[in-house]
Amino acid sequence: MKAAVLFEAKTPLQIEDVAVDKPAAHEVLIRTAAVGVCRSDLHFVDGTYPHAMPTIPGHEAAGVVEAVGSEVRALKPGDHVVTCLSTYCGECEFCVTGRLSLCISSAVKRPKGATPRLMLGDRPVAQMLNLSAYAEQMLVHEHACVRIDPEMPLDRAAILGCAVTTGAGAIFNAARVVPGETVCVVGCGGVGLAAINAAKIAGAGKVIAVDPVADKRDLAMKLGATHAIDASSDTAADEVVEITRGGVHHAIEAVGRPQSAATAVKVLRRGGIATILGMMPLSEKVGLSALDLLADKTVQGALMGRNHFPVDLPRLVDFYQRGLLDLDTIIAARLPLDRINDAFDELRKGDTTRTVITFEAA
């Protein structure tokens, strides 16, 4: 199969012929239809986060099942599926207490000494985030994907696997926004726009988008924001506080920068909650001042939107099909696999929302 291989951080990905193994007992072979280009992948490509090499990035995907292992019961060839990097074992403490996105069990990977899932000649290819989706096929654990309605367009379905499940999950699962509460979203990329759309669905009162790019602010208004503020303004946080007469109930940080996290905390009212979604450099810290603590403010993470993706993803598909979730506006462009480096270049500029790599199966 053709795949985009990263041999070394800070170098372009190369299109190579990679061999994929047959499914083991609990594995599923998927013909990839579409993959979103996510900033999380860019962190690994640019070396901000370490990873074994060579590897195939890509984790936000949709496709069609081609084959299943002998013990797989919930999926069959021909099923349309969305993948998710928060692969769960179903048996650890996190899984049995309903926190599937925190599972890090090695049971979802092939054991040491087993044949690798991916090979480049005689060289094993490290599978990124249990998926490695910038490839014509994906061989994954059965708990890394979920069946969806076959009427759902796969190029739209792909971005459900990360951007939307993270942004919407922050609203529904982590913040648990109550109708009428106020929400500020800092950063209007794919994740931030999904959070804004979800806040509208949840019945939030005021939804304030904060981003330095005018086009993104316009998209945010289309997706449900009631106000949009230029993040580059020195008074951005003060404007949010003024609009909401004291600050928001919930702030969602969807950029991955300390300054954005600081803004998220600053715009909170007393008792407000800031949910940090962006992947920051590992050396950075996010915290509260003594005055923030006295005001009973909270800062929390929400890895992958604290999703329960076997349940959440089909519901998000239903939201789209009923016209509540606007995935079409979030997707900025569709490109073939051989233009993956162009997609990353656009992402580095910070002006785009979501590019989707598409394959023939789409």
Protein backbone atom coordinates (compact mmCIF):
# COMPACT_ATOMS: atom_id res chain seq x y z
CA MET A 1 0.00 0.00 0.00
CA LYS A 2 1.04 3.63 -0.48
CA ALA A 3 1.74 5.49 2.75
CA ALA A 4 3.26 8.80 3.88
CA VAL A 5 6.29 7.85 5.97
CA LEU A 6 8.13 10.12 8.39
CA PHE A 7 11.77 9.01 8.62
CA GLU A 8 13.04 11.88 10.75
CA ALA A 9 11.44 14.81 12.55
CA LYS A 10 11.59 18.16 10.74
CA THR A 11 11.83 16.47 7.32
CA PRO A 12 9.13 16.03 4.67
CA LEU A 13 7.07 12.86 4.67
CA GLN A 14 7.86 10.46 1.81
CA ILE A 15 5.35 8.35 -0.11
CA GLU A 16 6.51 4.74 0.14
CA ASP A 17 5.23 1.21 -0.48
CA VAL A 18 4.54 -0.25 2.96
CA ALA A 19 3.46 -3.83 3.64
CA VAL A 20 0.54 -4.36 6.00
CA ASP A 21 0.03 -7.65 7.83
CA LYS A 22 -3.16 -9.72 8.01
CA PRO A 23 -5.51 -9.04 10.93
CA ALA A 24 -4.78 -10.88 14.17
CA ALA A 25 -7.66 -12.17 16.31
CA HIS A 26 -8.87 -8.78 17.56
CA GLU A 27 -7.75 -6.60 14.64
CA VAL A 28 -9.50 -4.93 11.73
CA LEU A 29 -8.10 -4.09 8.28
CA ILE A 30 -9.60 -0.87 6.90
CA ARG A 31 -9.43 0.63 3.42
CA THR A 32 -8.80 4.30 4.18
CA ALA A 33 -11.21 6.78 2.62
CA ALA A 34 -10.22 10.09 4.25
CA VAL A 35 -7.88 11.45 6.93
CA GLY A 36 -7.92 14.85 8.58
CA VAL A 37 -4.68 16.82 8.86
CA CYS A 38 -4.43 17.61 12.56
CA ARG A 39 -2.03 19.83 14.47
CA SER A 40 -1.32 16.89 16.77
CA ASP A 41 0.33 15.13 13.81
CA LEU A 42 2.31 18.28 13.12
CA HIS A 43 3.73 18.21 16.65
CA PHE A 44 5.29 14.82 15.88
CA VAL A 45 6.38 15.80 12.36
CA ASP A 46 8.08 18.96 13.65
CA GLY A 47 9.68 17.17 16.61
CA THR A 48 7.78 18.94 19.39
CA TYR A 49 6.71 15.52 20.66
CA PRO A 50 9.03 12.49 20.33
CA HIS A 51 8.15 9.29 18.47
CA ALA A 52 9.92 6.17 17.21
CA MET A 53 10.94 6.31 13.54
CA PRO A 54 10.14 5.52 10.83
CA THR A 55 6.45 6.08 11.38
CA ILE A 56 3.28 6.87 9.50
CA PRO A 57 1.37 9.78 11.10
CA GLY A 58 -2.36 10.34 10.78
CA HIS A 59 -5.04 9.55 13.34
CA GLU A 60 -8.30 11.22 12.28
CA ALA A 61 -9.73 8.84 9.71
CA ALA A 62 -12.69 7.06 8.17
CA GLY A 63 -12.84 4.09 5.83
CA VAL A 64 -14.39 0.77 4.91
CA VAL A 65 -13.63 -2.54 6.65
CA GLU A 66 -11.88 -5.03 4.34
CA ALA A 67 -11.17 -7.90 6.75
CA VAL A 68 -11.54 -8.76 10.43
CA GLY A 69 -9.74 -11.08 12.83
CA SER A 70 -11.20 -14.35 14.05
CA GLU A 71 -12.46 -12.94 17.38
CA VAL A 72 -14.00 -9.71 16.04
CA ARG A 73 -17.78 -9.77 16.45
CA ALA A 74 -18.97 -6.16 16.22
CA LEU A 75 -17.58 -5.44 12.74
CA LYS A 76 -17.64 -7.14 9.34
CA PRO A 77 -16.24 -6.45 5.85
CA GLY A 78 -18.09 -3.65 4.14
CA ASP A 79 -18.84 -1.71 7.33
CA HIS A 80 -18.12 2.01 7.25
CA VAL A 81 -16.07 3.07 10.27
CA VAL A 82 -14.45 6.04 11.97
CA THR A 83 -11.18 5.49 13.83
CA CYS A 84 -10.16 7.09 17.11
CA LEU A 85 -6.72 7.26 18.74
CA SER A 86 -8.12 6.66 22.22
CA THR A 87 -8.16 2.91 21.72
CA TYR A 88 -9.53 1.21 24.81
CA CYS A 89 -8.93 -2.25 26.27
CA GLY A 90 -12.25 -2.50 28.11
CA GLU A 91 -10.68 -4.11 31.19
CA CYS A 92 -8.43 -1.61 33.00
CA GLU A 93 -9.46 0.72 35.83
CA PHE A 94 -10.01 3.62 33.45
CA CYS A 95 -12.20 1.62 31.09
CA VAL A 96 -14.40 0.00 33.71
CA THR A 97 -14.99 3.38 35.37
CA GLY A 98 -16.09 4.94 32.08
CA ARG A 99 -12.93 6.95 31.30
CA LEU A 100 -12.11 5.19 28.03
CA SER A 101 -9.99 8.04 26.66
CA LEU A 102 -7.44 7.56 29.47
CA CYS A 103 -6.75 3.89 28.69
CA ILE A 104 -3.10 3.18 27.88
CA SER A 105 -3.20 -0.60 28.04
CA SER A 106 -0.65 -2.42 25.90
CA ALA A 107 -3.33 -5.02 25.15
CA VAL A 108 -4.48 -2.98 22.13
CA LYS A 109 -1.04 -3.28 20.53
CA ARG A 110 0.77 -6.32 19.19
CA PRO A 111 2.96 -7.90 21.89
CA LYS A 112 6.73 -7.71 21.78
CA GLY A 113 8.15 -10.37 19.51
CA ALA A 114 5.03 -10.54 17.34
CA THR A 115 5.14 -9.66 13.64
CA PRO A 116 4.78 -5.88 13.27
CA ARG A 117 1.58 -4.58 11.74
CA LEU A 118 3.56 -2.43 9.28
CA MET A 119 6.83 -3.12 7.43
CA LEU A 120 8.95 -1.08 5.03
CA GLY A 121 11.04 -3.72 3.34
CA ASP A 122 12.72 -5.55 6.22
CA ARG A 123 12.29 -2.58 8.55
CA PRO A 124 9.38 -2.33 11.03
CA VAL A 125 7.33 0.86 10.88
CA ALA A 126 6.25 2.29 14.24
CA GLN A 127 2.49 2.70 14.31
CA MET A 128 1.56 6.21 15.45
CA LEU A 129 -1.21 6.47 18.03
CA ASN A 130 -2.34 2.91 17.22
CA LEU A 131 -3.54 4.04 13.78
CA SER A 132 -1.05 5.45 11.20
CA ALA A 133 -3.78 6.71 8.90
CA TYR A 134 -1.85 8.50 6.13
CA ALA A 135 -1.93 5.26 4.22
CA GLU A 136 -4.23 3.41 1.84
CA GLN A 137 -4.96 0.86 4.57
CA MET A 138 -5.03 0.79 8.37
CA LEU A 139 -4.59 -2.32 10.52
CA VAL A 140 -5.95 -1.51 13.97
CA HIS A 141 -7.35 -3.08 17.12
CA GLU A 142 -11.12 -3.58 16.95
CA HIS A 143 -11.53 -1.02 19.77
CA ALA A 144 -9.85 1.68 17.66
CA CYS A 145 -12.86 2.10 15.37
CA VAL A 146 -16.64 2.20 15.43
CA ARG A 147 -19.23 1.41 12.79
CA ILE A 148 -21.28 4.33 11.47
CA ASP A 149 -24.26 4.82 9.18
CA PRO A 150 -23.10 4.01 5.61
CA GLU A 151 -25.05 7.04 4.36
CA MET A 152 -22.61 9.33 6.16
CA PRO A 153 -20.04 10.87 3.74
CA LEU A 154 -16.66 9.48 4.74
CA ASP A 155 -14.69 12.66 4.06
CA ARG A 156 -16.86 14.45 6.64
CA ALA A 157 -16.90 11.47 8.98
CA ALA A 158 -13.09 11.46 9.17
CA ILE A 159 -12.87 14.67 11.22
CA LEU A 160 -15.22 13.22 13.81
CA GLY A 161 -12.36 10.98 14.96
CA CYS A 162 -10.34 13.77 16.56
CA ALA A 163 -11.27 17.41 15.93
CA VAL A 164 -14.97 17.02 16.52
CA THR A 165 -14.91 14.38 19.22
CA THR A 166 -12.38 16.56 21.09
CA GLY A 167 -14.09 19.92 20.61
CA ALA A 168 -17.65 18.67 21.02
CA GLY A 169 -16.59 16.32 23.81
CA ALA A 170 -15.14 19.25 25.74
CA ILE A 171 -18.59 20.85 25.67
CA PHE A 172 -20.74 17.77 26.26
CA ASN A 173 -18.51 15.57 28.45
CA ALA A 174 -15.95 17.78 30.23
CA ALA A 175 -17.60 21.19 30.62
CA ARG A 176 -21.12 19.75 30.55
CA VAL A 177 -22.51 23.05 29.39
CA VAL A 178 -26.01 23.81 30.66
CA PRO A 179 -28.45 25.71 28.41
CA GLY A 180 -28.02 29.44 28.95
CA GLU A 181 -24.44 29.28 30.24
CA THR A 182 -21.78 31.39 28.52
CA VAL A 183 -18.84 29.90 26.63
CA CYS A 184 -15.63 31.37 25.26
CA VAL A 185 -13.55 29.36 22.77
CA VAL A 186 -9.94 30.48 22.34
CA GLY A 187 -8.68 29.29 18.96
CA CYS A 188 -10.89 28.61 15.96
CA GLY A 189 -9.16 25.77 14.17
CA GLY A 190 -10.92 22.45 13.64
CA VAL A 191 -11.20 21.65 17.36
CA GLY A 192 -12.28 25.16 18.36
CA LEU A 193 -14.90 25.39 15.63
CA ALA A 194 -16.30 22.02 16.67
CA ALA A 195 -16.54 23.28 20.25
CA ILE A 196 -18.39 26.39 19.09
CA ASN A 197 -20.84 24.32 17.06
CA ALA A 198 -21.36 21.97 20.02
CA ALA A 199 -21.94 24.92 22.38
CA LYS A 200 -24.74 26.06 20.09
CA ILE A 201 -26.23 22.55 20.08
CA ALA A 202 -25.99 22.47 23.89
CA GLY A 203 -28.02 25.66 24.12
CA ALA A 204 -25.30 27.97 25.43
CA GLY A 205 -26.34 31.59 25.85
CA LYS A 206 -23.43 33.69 24.58
CA VAL A 207 -20.71 31.84 22.61
CA ILE A 208 -17.63 34.00 22.10
CA ALA A 209 -14.93 33.06 19.59
CA VAL A 210 -11.40 34.42 20.08
CA ASP A 211 -8.92 34.08 17.20
CA PRO A 212 -6.42 36.37 15.42
CA VAL A 213 -7.54 35.30 11.91
CA ALA A 214 -10.55 37.19 10.55
CA ASP A 215 -11.66 34.36 8.24
CA LYS A 216 -11.74 31.94 11.17
CA ARG A 217 -13.79 34.39 13.20
CA ASP A 218 -16.25 34.56 10.32
CA LEU A 219 -16.49 30.76 10.25
CA ALA A 220 -17.04 30.76 14.00
CA MET A 221 -20.01 33.09 13.59
CA LYS A 222 -21.44 30.80 10.93
CA LEU A 223 -21.09 27.80 13.24
CA GLY A 224 -22.87 29.36 16.20
CA ALA A 225 -20.73 32.02 17.86
CA THR A 226 -22.67 35.06 19.01
CA HIS A 227 -19.57 37.24 19.21
CA ALA A 228 -16.07 37.11 17.69
CA ILE A 229 -13.01 38.90 19.04
CA ASP A 230 -9.55 39.42 17.58
CA ALA A 231 -7.13 37.48 19.79
CA SER A 232 -4.28 39.80 18.83
CA SER A 233 -5.98 42.71 20.56
CA ASP A 234 -4.51 43.71 23.93
CA THR A 235 -8.05 44.03 25.26
CA ALA A 236 -9.41 40.70 23.96
CA ALA A 237 -9.93 39.13 27.40
CA ASP A 238 -11.39 42.35 28.80
CA GLU A 239 -13.89 42.44 25.92
CA VAL A 240 -15.08 38.93 26.75
CA VAL A 241 -15.55 39.88 30.41
CA GLU A 242 -17.47 43.01 29.43
CA ILE A 243 -19.77 41.18 26.96
CA THR A 244 -20.63 38.57 29.59
CA ARG A 245 -20.86 41.03 32.50
CA GLY A 246 -18.21 39.39 34.61
CA GLY A 247 -16.78 36.53 32.58
CA VAL A 248 -17.88 33.20 31.11
CA HIS A 249 -18.97 30.01 32.82
CA HIS A 250 -16.75 27.94 30.51
CA ALA A 251 -13.61 28.72 28.51
CA ILE A 252 -12.23 26.23 25.99
CA GLU A 253 -8.58 26.54 24.96
CA ALA A 254 -8.05 24.93 21.54
CA VAL A 255 -4.65 26.23 20.45
CA GLY A 256 -1.93 24.69 22.60
CA ARG A 257 -0.08 27.83 23.73
CA PRO A 258 0.50 29.16 27.25
CA GLN A 259 -0.83 32.60 26.23
CA SER A 260 -4.08 31.05 25.05
CA ALA A 261 -4.44 29.12 28.30
CA ALA A 262 -3.85 32.33 30.25
CA THR A 263 -6.58 34.02 28.23
CA ALA A 264 -8.95 31.14 28.94
CA VAL A 265 -8.41 31.60 32.68
CA LYS A 266 -8.67 35.39 32.51
CA VAL A 267 -12.09 35.38 30.84
CA LEU A 268 -13.67 33.16 33.52
CA ARG A 269 -16.21 34.46 35.97
CA ARG A 270 -16.03 33.43 39.63
CA GLY A 271 -16.50 29.66 39.77
CA GLY A 272 -15.78 29.29 36.04
CA ILE A 273 -14.03 26.33 34.42
CA ALA A 274 -11.26 26.48 31.81
CA THR A 275 -10.83 23.31 29.74
CA ILE A 276 -7.43 23.06 28.03
CA LEU A 277 -7.45 20.98 24.84
CA GLY A 278 -4.39 22.12 22.89
CA MET A 279 -1.16 20.09 22.90
CA MET A 280 1.44 22.41 24.40
CA PRO A 281 5.21 21.91 24.42
CA LEU A 282 6.00 19.38 27.15
CA SER A 283 8.01 21.92 29.15
CA GLU A 284 5.06 24.31 29.57
CA LYS A 285 2.77 24.61 32.59
CA VAL A 286 -0.74 25.95 33.05
CA GLY A 287 -1.98 27.10 36.43
CA LEU A 288 -4.02 29.45 38.58
CA SER A 289 -2.99 32.45 40.65
CA ALA A 290 -3.86 32.74 44.32
CA LEU A 291 -6.62 35.20 43.38
CA ASP A 292 -8.01 32.73 40.83
CA LEU A 293 -8.14 30.07 43.52
CA LEU A 294 -9.97 32.41 45.87
CA ALA A 295 -12.45 33.01 43.04
CA ASP A 296 -13.00 29.21 42.86
CA LYS A 297 -11.86 28.97 39.25
CA THR A 298 -10.91 25.57 37.82
CA VAL A 299 -8.46 24.47 35.13
CA GLN A 300 -8.90 20.99 33.69
CA GLY A 301 -7.69 18.89 30.81
CA ALA A 302 -10.01 16.83 28.61
CA LEU A 303 -7.98 14.36 26.59
CA MET A 304 -9.83 13.68 23.32
CA GLY A 305 -12.88 15.38 24.79
CA ARG A 306 -13.20 12.63 27.44
CA ASN A 307 -14.98 10.66 24.76
CA HIS A 308 -16.82 7.37 24.95
CA PHE A 309 -16.35 7.06 21.23
CA PRO A 310 -18.33 3.84 20.56
CA VAL A 311 -21.36 5.84 21.76
CA ASP A 312 -20.34 9.43 21.01
CA LEU A 313 -19.33 9.05 17.35
CA PRO A 314 -22.62 7.56 16.08
CA ARG A 315 -24.43 10.36 17.92
CA LEU A 316 -22.25 12.96 16.20
CA VAL A 317 -23.06 11.34 12.86
CA ASP A 318 -26.74 11.68 13.74
CA PHE A 319 -26.22 15.35 14.62
CA TYR A 320 -24.68 15.90 11.17
CA GLN A 321 -27.41 14.05 9.35
CA ARG A 322 -30.08 16.08 11.16
CA GLY A 323 -28.39 19.34 10.22
CA LEU A 324 -27.24 20.25 13.74
CA LEU A 325 -23.50 19.62 13.32
CA ASP A 326 -21.90 21.55 10.45
CA LEU A 327 -18.85 19.57 9.32
CA ASP A 328 -18.87 21.05 5.82
CA THR A 329 -17.91 24.50 7.09
CA ILE A 330 -15.04 23.13 9.21
CA ILE A 331 -13.36 21.41 6.23
CA ALA A 332 -11.30 23.91 4.27
CA ALA A 333 -9.79 21.71 1.54
CA ARG A 334 -9.43 18.15 0.26
CA LEU A 335 -6.07 16.95 -1.07
CA PRO A 336 -4.60 13.64 -2.31
CA LEU A 337 -2.01 11.77 -0.25
CA ASP A 338 0.91 12.96 -2.37
CA ARG A 339 0.20 16.52 -1.21
CA ILE A 340 0.43 15.75 2.49
CA ASN A 341 3.46 18.01 2.95
CA ASP A 342 1.55 20.90 1.36
CA ALA A 343 -1.23 20.30 3.88
CA PHE A 344 1.26 20.51 6.77
CA ASP A 345 2.75 23.70 5.31
CA GLU A 346 -0.70 25.29 5.33
CA LEU A 347 -1.25 24.14 8.89
CA ARG A 348 2.01 25.76 9.99
CA LYS A 349 0.77 29.11 8.65
CA GLY A 350 -2.13 28.94 11.09
CA ASP A 351 -4.70 30.30 8.65
CA THR A 352 -6.51 27.07 7.73
CA THR A 353 -9.18 25.11 9.62
CA ARG A 354 -9.18 21.46 8.51
CA THR A 355 -7.65 19.88 5.41
CA VAL A 356 -8.73 16.34 4.62
CA ILE A 357 -6.59 13.85 2.68
CA THR A 358 -8.88 11.76 0.49
CA PHE A 359 -8.43 8.37 -1.15
CA GLU A 360 -10.40 6.58 -3.85
CA ALA A 361 -12.63 4.91 -1.25
CA ALA A 362 -14.10 8.32 -0.35
